[in-house]
Amino acid sequence: MIELAIGALVVGLIASVLGFTSIAGASFAVAKVIAGVFFVLFLILLLMAWGVGSALA
């Protein structure tokens, strides 16, 4: 999932260098959303693993 966010960020950077501002803005917005979803899922899985680890100890 993080690869998608990095890919959208790279597309946005290339589009902004070439002057395509609307495409760059959309790509940055997509990258932010995907990165946010990745971060939330990471935190949920981290808390679940912490809970399982404490239950086993």
C-alpha atoms as a PDB file:
ATOM      1  CA  MET A   1       0.000   0.000   0.000  1.00  0.00           C
ATOM      2  CA  ILE A   2       2.831   2.366   0.770  1.00  0.00           C
ATOM      3  CA  GLU A   3       4.144   1.682  -2.753  1.00  0.00           C
ATOM      4  CA  LEU A   4       0.938   3.194  -4.153  1.00  0.00           C
ATOM      5  CA  ALA A   5       1.394   6.317  -2.056  1.00  0.00           C
ATOM      6  CA  ILE A   6       5.011   6.676  -3.174  1.00  0.00           C
ATOM      7  CA  GLY A   7       3.983   6.114  -6.803  1.00  0.00           C
ATOM      8  CA  ALA A   8       1.294   8.797  -6.595  1.00  0.00           C
ATOM      9  CA  LEU A   9       3.809  11.142  -4.973  1.00  0.00           C
ATOM     10  CA  VAL A  10       6.321  10.575  -7.781  1.00  0.00           C
ATOM     11  CA  VAL A  11       3.630  11.159 -10.410  1.00  0.00           C
ATOM     12  CA  GLY A  12       2.690  14.377  -8.626  1.00  0.00           C
ATOM     13  CA  LEU A  13       6.284  15.553  -8.502  1.00  0.00           C
ATOM     14  CA  ILE A  14       6.832  14.861 -12.200  1.00  0.00           C
ATOM     15  CA  ALA A  15       3.539  16.544 -13.121  1.00  0.00           C
ATOM     16  CA  SER A  16       4.406  19.608 -11.054  1.00  0.00           C
ATOM     17  CA  VAL A  17       7.827  19.908 -12.699  1.00  0.00           C
ATOM     18  CA  LEU A  18       6.197  19.689 -16.133  1.00  0.00           C
ATOM     19  CA  GLY A  19       3.569  22.302 -15.206  1.00  0.00           C
ATOM     20  CA  PHE A  20       0.460  20.127 -14.952  1.00  0.00           C
ATOM     21  CA  THR A  21      -0.809  21.679 -11.737  1.00  0.00           C
ATOM     22  CA  SER A  22      -4.248  20.037 -11.631  1.00  0.00           C
ATOM     23  CA  ILE A  23      -2.800  16.559 -12.149  1.00  0.00           C
ATOM     24  CA  ALA A  24      -0.108  17.273  -9.567  1.00  0.00           C
ATOM     25  CA  GLY A  25      -2.669  18.432  -7.002  1.00  0.00           C
ATOM     26  CA  ALA A  26      -4.829  15.367  -7.559  1.00  0.00           C
ATOM     27  CA  SER A  27      -1.831  13.050  -7.290  1.00  0.00           C
ATOM     28  CA  PHE A  28      -0.720  14.666  -4.039  1.00  0.00           C
ATOM     29  CA  ALA A  29      -4.245  14.332  -2.636  1.00  0.00           C
ATOM     30  CA  VAL A  30      -4.361  10.644  -3.568  1.00  0.00           C
ATOM     31  CA  ALA A  31      -0.928  10.099  -2.022  1.00  0.00           C
ATOM     32  CA  LYS A  32      -2.059  11.751   1.228  1.00  0.00           C
ATOM     33  CA  VAL A  33      -5.198   9.625   1.438  1.00  0.00           C
ATOM     34  CA  ILE A  34      -3.370   6.368   0.738  1.00  0.00           C
ATOM     35  CA  ALA A  35      -0.617   7.235   3.220  1.00  0.00           C
ATOM     36  CA  GLY A  36      -3.251   8.076   5.846  1.00  0.00           C
ATOM     37  CA  VAL A  37      -5.029   4.753   5.335  1.00  0.00           C
ATOM     38  CA  PHE A  38      -1.689   2.953   5.553  1.00  0.00           C
ATOM     39  CA  PHE A  39      -0.826   4.737   8.806  1.00  0.00           C
ATOM     40  CA  VAL A  40      -4.210   3.932  10.401  1.00  0.00           C
ATOM     41  CA  LEU A  41      -3.964   0.262   9.425  1.00  0.00           C
ATOM     42  CA  PHE A  42      -0.407   0.160  10.757  1.00  0.00           C
ATOM     43  CA  LEU A  43      -1.532   1.524  14.121  1.00  0.00           C
ATOM     44  CA  ILE A  44      -4.452  -0.918  14.348  1.00  0.00           C
ATOM     45  CA  LEU A  45      -2.222  -3.906  13.589  1.00  0.00           C
ATOM     46  CA  LEU A  46       0.422  -2.641  16.006  1.00  0.00           C
ATOM     47  CA  LEU A  47      -2.132  -2.420  18.821  1.00  0.00           C
ATOM     48  CA  MET A  48      -3.484  -5.871  17.987  1.00  0.00           C
ATOM     49  CA  ALA A  49       0.003  -7.376  18.079  1.00  0.00           C
ATOM     50  CA  TRP A  50       0.714  -5.641  21.376  1.00  0.00           C
ATOM     51  CA  GLY A  51      -2.513  -7.043  22.827  1.00  0.00           C
ATOM     52  CA  VAL A  52      -1.734 -10.580  21.699  1.00  0.00           C
ATOM     53  CA  GLY A  53       1.796 -10.314  23.044  1.00  0.00           C
ATOM     54  CA  SER A  54       0.607  -9.192  26.457  1.00  0.00           C
ATOM     55  CA  ALA A  55      -2.048 -11.956  26.528  1.00  0.00           C
ATOM     56  CA  LEU A  56       0.585 -14.631  25.881  1.00  0.00           C
ATOM     57  CA  ALA A  57       2.949 -13.399  28.576  1.00  0.00           C
END
